[in-house]
Protein backbone atom coordinates (compact mmCIF):
# COMPACT_ATOMS: atom_id res chain seq x y z
CA MET A 1 -87.86 45.38 26.97
CA SER A 2 -86.31 47.34 29.38
CA VAL A 3 -82.82 48.11 29.34
CA ILE A 4 -82.17 46.68 32.63
CA HIS A 5 -84.13 43.50 31.32
CA LEU A 6 -82.22 43.94 28.12
CA ARG A 7 -78.41 43.69 30.56
CA ALA A 8 -80.35 40.46 32.69
CA LEU A 9 -80.65 39.12 30.14
CA LEU A 10 -76.84 39.59 28.44
CA ALA A 11 -75.06 39.48 31.29
CA ALA A 12 -77.49 35.45 31.83
CA GLY A 13 -75.97 34.96 28.59
CA VAL A 14 -72.14 35.40 29.23
CA LEU A 15 -72.93 33.27 32.72
CA ALA A 16 -73.98 30.51 30.79
CA GLY A 17 -71.15 30.97 28.59
CA ALA A 18 -68.47 30.95 31.27
CA ALA A 19 -70.03 28.14 32.89
CA GLN A 20 -70.33 25.99 29.42
CA ALA A 21 -67.27 26.68 28.36
CA ALA A 22 -65.73 25.80 32.12
CA SER A 23 -67.42 22.52 32.17
CA ALA A 24 -66.20 21.07 28.67
CA HIS A 25 -63.02 19.09 30.68
CA GLU A 26 -63.13 16.63 27.85
CA PHE A 27 -59.87 17.01 25.05
CA TRP A 28 -58.54 15.49 22.36
CA ILE A 29 -56.96 14.00 18.81
CA GLN A 30 -60.04 13.76 16.21
CA PRO A 31 -58.72 12.46 12.66
CA GLU A 32 -61.09 12.56 9.81
CA ARG A 33 -59.97 9.09 10.06
CA PHE A 34 -57.56 6.43 12.37
CA TRP A 35 -57.41 4.02 9.80
CA LEU A 36 -55.57 4.71 6.64
CA PRO A 37 -53.67 3.04 3.74
CA ALA A 38 -50.02 3.57 4.16
CA GLY A 39 -48.51 6.80 2.93
CA ALA A 40 -52.04 8.35 2.66
CA THR A 41 -52.77 11.74 4.54
CA THR A 42 -56.04 12.90 7.36
CA PRO A 43 -57.01 15.74 8.68
CA MET A 44 -56.96 16.35 12.48
CA THR A 45 -58.50 18.77 14.95
CA LEU A 46 -58.00 18.73 18.36
CA GLN A 47 -61.52 18.97 19.58
CA VAL A 48 -62.64 19.70 23.50
CA GLY A 49 -65.65 19.09 25.39
CA THR A 50 -68.47 16.90 24.76
CA GLY A 51 -72.66 16.82 23.53
CA PRO A 52 -73.64 20.38 22.93
CA GLU A 53 -70.47 21.83 24.27
CA ARG A 54 -68.38 20.12 21.69
CA GLN A 55 -66.04 22.40 19.51
CA ARG A 56 -63.04 22.90 18.12
CA SER A 57 -60.32 23.62 20.79
CA GLN A 58 -58.38 27.52 20.66
CA LEU A 59 -55.48 25.96 22.35
CA PRO A 60 -52.63 28.09 20.93
CA LEU A 61 -49.39 26.67 19.33
CA ARG A 62 -47.08 28.55 21.83
CA ARG A 63 -48.40 26.04 24.21
CA VAL A 64 -47.72 22.65 22.49
CA LEU A 65 -44.78 21.80 24.38
CA ARG A 66 -45.42 18.07 22.52
CA PHE A 67 -46.82 16.52 19.43
CA ASP A 68 -45.34 13.65 18.27
CA ALA A 69 -45.73 10.45 17.00
CA THR A 70 -44.72 6.75 18.53
CA SER A 71 -43.82 3.98 16.35
CA PRO A 72 -41.58 0.98 16.34
CA ASP A 73 -38.93 3.17 14.52
CA GLY A 74 -39.19 5.54 17.48
CA GLU A 75 -40.55 9.09 17.53
CA ARG A 76 -40.82 11.85 15.03
CA ASP A 77 -42.12 15.07 16.42
CA LEU A 78 -45.14 16.05 14.64
CA ARG A 79 -45.16 20.65 15.82
CA PRO A 80 -43.84 21.45 12.29
CA SER A 81 -47.30 19.83 10.94
CA LEU A 82 -49.61 21.73 13.41
CA THR A 83 -51.61 24.55 11.46
CA LEU A 84 -53.02 25.68 14.92
CA GLY A 85 -56.56 28.18 14.03
CA ASP A 86 -56.58 27.06 10.35
CA THR A 87 -60.11 27.50 9.02
CA ALA A 88 -60.17 23.75 7.78
CA ALA A 89 -58.45 21.26 10.56
CA ASP A 90 -55.43 21.87 13.10
CA GLY A 91 -53.13 19.87 11.15
CA ALA A 92 -52.48 17.24 9.25
CA LEU A 93 -51.23 13.42 9.68
CA THR A 94 -49.16 11.02 7.52
CA PHE A 95 -47.76 7.28 8.10
CA PRO A 96 -45.55 5.65 5.22
CA ARG A 97 -45.35 2.03 7.01
CA PRO A 98 -48.33 -0.61 8.18
CA GLY A 99 -48.75 -1.14 11.94
CA ALA A 100 -50.27 1.47 14.95
CA TYR A 101 -48.94 4.55 15.83
CA VAL A 102 -49.28 6.56 19.03
CA VAL A 103 -49.62 10.00 18.81
CA THR A 104 -49.20 12.78 21.74
CA LEU A 105 -49.72 16.28 22.17
CA ARG A 106 -49.02 17.98 25.94
CA SER A 107 -49.41 21.37 27.07
CA ASP A 108 -48.58 23.36 29.24
CA ALA A 109 -50.00 24.37 32.75
CA ALA A 110 -50.05 27.62 31.61
CA ALA A 111 -53.98 27.85 32.01
CA GLN A 112 -55.62 28.56 35.11
CA SER A 113 -59.64 27.58 36.15
CA HIS A 114 -60.92 30.14 39.13
CA GLN A 115 -64.53 28.12 40.32
CA SER A 116 -67.49 29.49 42.41
CA ALA A 117 -67.53 26.66 45.41
CA ALA A 118 -70.43 25.06 44.40
CA ARG A 119 -69.30 24.63 41.25
CA PHE A 120 -65.61 23.71 42.02
CA ASN A 121 -66.71 20.74 44.33
CA ALA A 122 -69.49 19.41 42.07
CA TYR A 123 -66.84 19.32 38.97
CA ALA A 124 -64.36 17.29 41.61
CA GLU A 125 -67.30 15.65 42.03
CA GLU A 126 -67.88 14.43 38.70
CA GLU A 127 -64.55 14.15 37.91
CA GLY A 128 -63.61 11.94 40.90
CA LEU A 129 -60.74 14.63 42.03
CA THR A 130 -60.17 12.28 45.46
CA PRO A 131 -57.17 15.04 46.50
CA ALA A 132 -59.43 18.17 45.40
CA LEU A 133 -62.49 17.07 47.50
CA GLU A 134 -59.86 15.65 50.78
CA THR A 135 -57.95 18.67 50.98
CA ARG A 136 -60.70 21.03 51.05
CA ALA A 137 -62.70 18.76 53.67
CA ALA A 138 -59.33 18.31 55.95
CA LYS A 139 -59.10 22.62 55.53
CA GLY A 140 -63.06 23.10 55.70
CA LEU A 141 -62.50 24.89 52.42
CA GLN A 142 -65.91 23.39 50.90
CA ALA A 143 -67.79 27.17 51.32
CA ILE A 144 -64.73 28.47 49.70
CA ASP A 145 -63.71 29.39 46.37
CA ALA A 146 -61.28 27.28 45.18
CA SER A 147 -58.67 27.50 41.94
CA GLU A 148 -56.31 25.59 39.18
CA ARG A 149 -53.73 25.63 36.78
CA TYR A 150 -53.91 22.76 34.16
CA SER A 151 -52.97 21.04 31.01
CA ARG A 152 -53.38 19.43 28.66
CA GLN A 153 -52.09 15.21 27.61
CA THR A 154 -53.76 13.25 25.19
CA LYS A 155 -53.02 10.48 22.48
CA ALA A 156 -54.40 9.12 19.74
CA LEU A 157 -54.16 5.91 18.14
CA ILE A 158 -53.65 5.39 14.87
CA GLN A 159 -53.81 2.44 12.56
CA VAL A 160 -51.58 2.38 9.14
CA GLY A 161 -52.24 -0.43 6.30
CA ALA A 162 -53.11 -4.34 7.77
CA GLY A 163 -51.55 -5.46 10.86
CA GLY A 164 -47.88 -4.99 11.32
CA GLU A 165 -46.78 -4.03 14.92
CA GLN A 166 -48.60 -3.36 17.42
CA ALA A 167 -46.51 -2.93 20.16
CA VAL A 168 -46.35 0.84 20.88
CA VAL A 169 -50.02 1.14 21.72
CA THR A 170 -49.32 -1.05 25.66
CA ARG A 171 -46.08 1.10 26.45
CA PRO A 172 -46.37 4.36 28.80
CA VAL A 173 -44.62 7.50 26.79
CA GLY A 174 -44.39 9.72 29.07
CA LEU A 175 -46.84 11.70 29.92
CA SER A 176 -47.06 12.61 33.68
CA LEU A 177 -50.99 11.54 33.41
CA GLU A 178 -51.34 8.84 30.94
CA ILE A 179 -53.81 5.76 30.21
CA VAL A 180 -51.84 3.13 28.85
CA PRO A 181 -54.18 -0.21 26.80
CA GLU A 182 -52.77 -3.02 28.14
CA VAL A 183 -54.06 -5.16 24.71
CA SER A 184 -54.18 -3.13 21.24
CA PRO A 185 -57.80 -2.22 19.74
CA TYR A 186 -56.54 -2.70 16.17
CA ALA A 187 -54.76 -6.66 16.99
CA ALA A 188 -56.17 -9.57 15.00
CA PRO A 189 -57.71 -10.85 16.14
CA ARG A 190 -60.18 -7.90 17.41
CA PRO A 191 -59.70 -8.91 22.07
CA ALA A 192 -63.44 -8.86 23.75
CA SER A 193 -62.04 -6.92 26.50
CA LEU A 194 -60.05 -3.38 26.68
CA PRO A 195 -58.37 -3.33 29.91
CA VAL A 196 -56.26 -0.13 30.76
CA ARG A 197 -53.28 1.10 33.47
CA VAL A 198 -53.87 4.63 34.20
CA LEU A 199 -50.34 6.50 35.10
CA TYR A 200 -49.65 9.21 37.61
CA GLU A 201 -45.83 10.22 37.23
CA GLY A 202 -44.93 7.24 35.94
CA ARG A 203 -46.90 5.31 38.74
CA PRO A 204 -50.06 3.29 38.73
CA LEU A 205 -53.06 5.73 40.00
CA ALA A 206 -55.48 3.91 42.33
CA GLY A 207 -58.59 5.84 42.71
CA ALA A 208 -59.68 7.26 39.02
CA LEU A 209 -62.42 7.50 36.92
CA VAL A 210 -62.04 6.24 33.76
CA LYS A 211 -65.08 7.31 30.90
CA ILE A 212 -64.84 6.14 27.97
CA THR A 213 -67.22 7.74 24.98
CA ASP A 214 -68.92 7.18 22.16
CA LEU A 215 -67.57 10.30 19.58
CA ALA A 216 -71.14 9.77 17.63
CA HIS A 217 -73.23 10.12 20.38
CA ASP A 218 -71.12 11.76 23.19
CA ALA A 219 -73.87 13.49 25.44
CA ALA A 220 -72.85 11.20 28.36
CA PRO A 221 -69.74 8.73 28.62
CA LEU A 222 -70.70 5.61 28.12
CA GLU A 223 -69.12 3.76 30.57
CA GLN A 224 -67.04 4.63 33.33
CA ARG A 225 -65.13 2.98 35.81
CA ARG A 226 -62.44 3.18 38.70
CA THR A 227 -59.44 2.03 38.99
CA ASP A 228 -58.20 -0.30 41.13
CA ALA A 229 -54.99 -0.56 43.38
CA GLU A 230 -52.84 -1.11 40.63
CA GLY A 231 -54.54 1.27 38.27
CA ARG A 232 -55.65 -0.73 36.47
CA ALA A 233 -59.86 -0.64 35.30
CA ALA A 234 -61.33 -2.15 32.46
CA PHE A 235 -64.35 -2.32 29.45
CA ALA A 236 -65.97 -3.77 27.10
CA MET A 237 -64.09 -3.49 23.26
CA PRO A 238 -66.19 -1.46 21.01
CA SER A 239 -66.45 -2.83 17.50
CA HIS A 240 -67.05 0.60 15.43
CA GLY A 241 -66.98 3.91 15.85
CA ALA A 242 -65.18 6.69 16.92
CA TRP A 243 -63.88 6.42 20.66
CA MET A 244 -62.23 8.79 23.35
CA MET A 245 -61.23 7.39 27.22
CA ASP A 246 -60.36 10.60 29.57
CA VAL A 247 -59.12 10.59 33.45
CA VAL A 248 -58.61 13.80 35.39
CA TRP A 249 -56.61 14.56 38.59
CA THR A 250 -55.04 16.90 40.82
CA ARG A 251 -52.56 17.95 43.04
CA PRO A 252 -52.73 19.98 46.02
CA LEU A 253 -50.33 23.26 45.65
CA GLU A 254 -48.82 25.41 48.37
CA ASP A 255 -47.79 28.95 47.91
CA GLU A 256 -48.11 28.88 44.03
CA GLY A 257 -51.18 31.88 43.55
CA VAL A 258 -53.82 28.93 43.11
CA ASP A 259 -54.88 25.88 45.57
CA PHE A 260 -54.59 22.96 42.53
CA GLU A 261 -52.53 21.51 39.42
CA THR A 262 -55.09 19.81 37.80
CA VAL A 263 -53.99 17.23 34.27
CA PHE A 264 -57.18 16.54 32.33
CA SER A 265 -55.99 12.92 29.94
CA SER A 266 -57.28 11.36 26.84
CA LEU A 267 -57.23 8.38 24.38
CA SER A 268 -58.60 8.48 21.41
CA PHE A 269 -59.03 5.71 18.63
CA GLY A 270 -61.73 3.88 16.08
CA PHE A 271 -62.76 1.72 13.55
CA PRO A 272 -62.61 1.79 9.91
CA ASP A 273 -66.69 2.39 9.14
């Protein structure tokens, strides 16, 4: 094999890896178990990407602005329990009382992405980023490369023991982009439908594309829905397994070094085997 051919193959591999990393938009909290006995501990990891792109997130601790658990008793800071980069897990979760808990993580918006025009346009179409598409069309920028800064914001629903208070699941926790279930998937009897509301900066977000993915078969989302004028969408309630819902939104920026500020937001939950 010639040196030129070898260099071409290596360059192709680097570009493929970069493309794969850039397209890994999903990010979520993955506990080993979503249902725990009171006082039990489950390890958890932060996951990014789905299908062949799925891997442990490399998010550094310095970028984590918030990691806490919300229960009927209030919020508890969980940052001291994070072990990001550890070979076994990114942390562990333990809760003393029965009921539902909402575990929340929010990163800063220090990360940036710079993409070619074709790649950015395809990404904006895939994720339903109407503000980016409309802004680029209005300014005649569809053929121009684009950049964004972005944050990761995610919640995981943990059920401890049997029954207990479920109301925290249906309340916002104050993320800038947030999927809020309107019923708890852990309520008994289990509802047939899972309606959710998407909030952006505390207000209902219309036209956002919400996806739901079976994490055991995650090559593609199982379903996706656009939120209505009140920010609502509904899915069939899963009956088993581990699940992730995600949504992405963006806003144009002026004179800030990048074109858009984007938020990747998700909600993970699951059921006992």
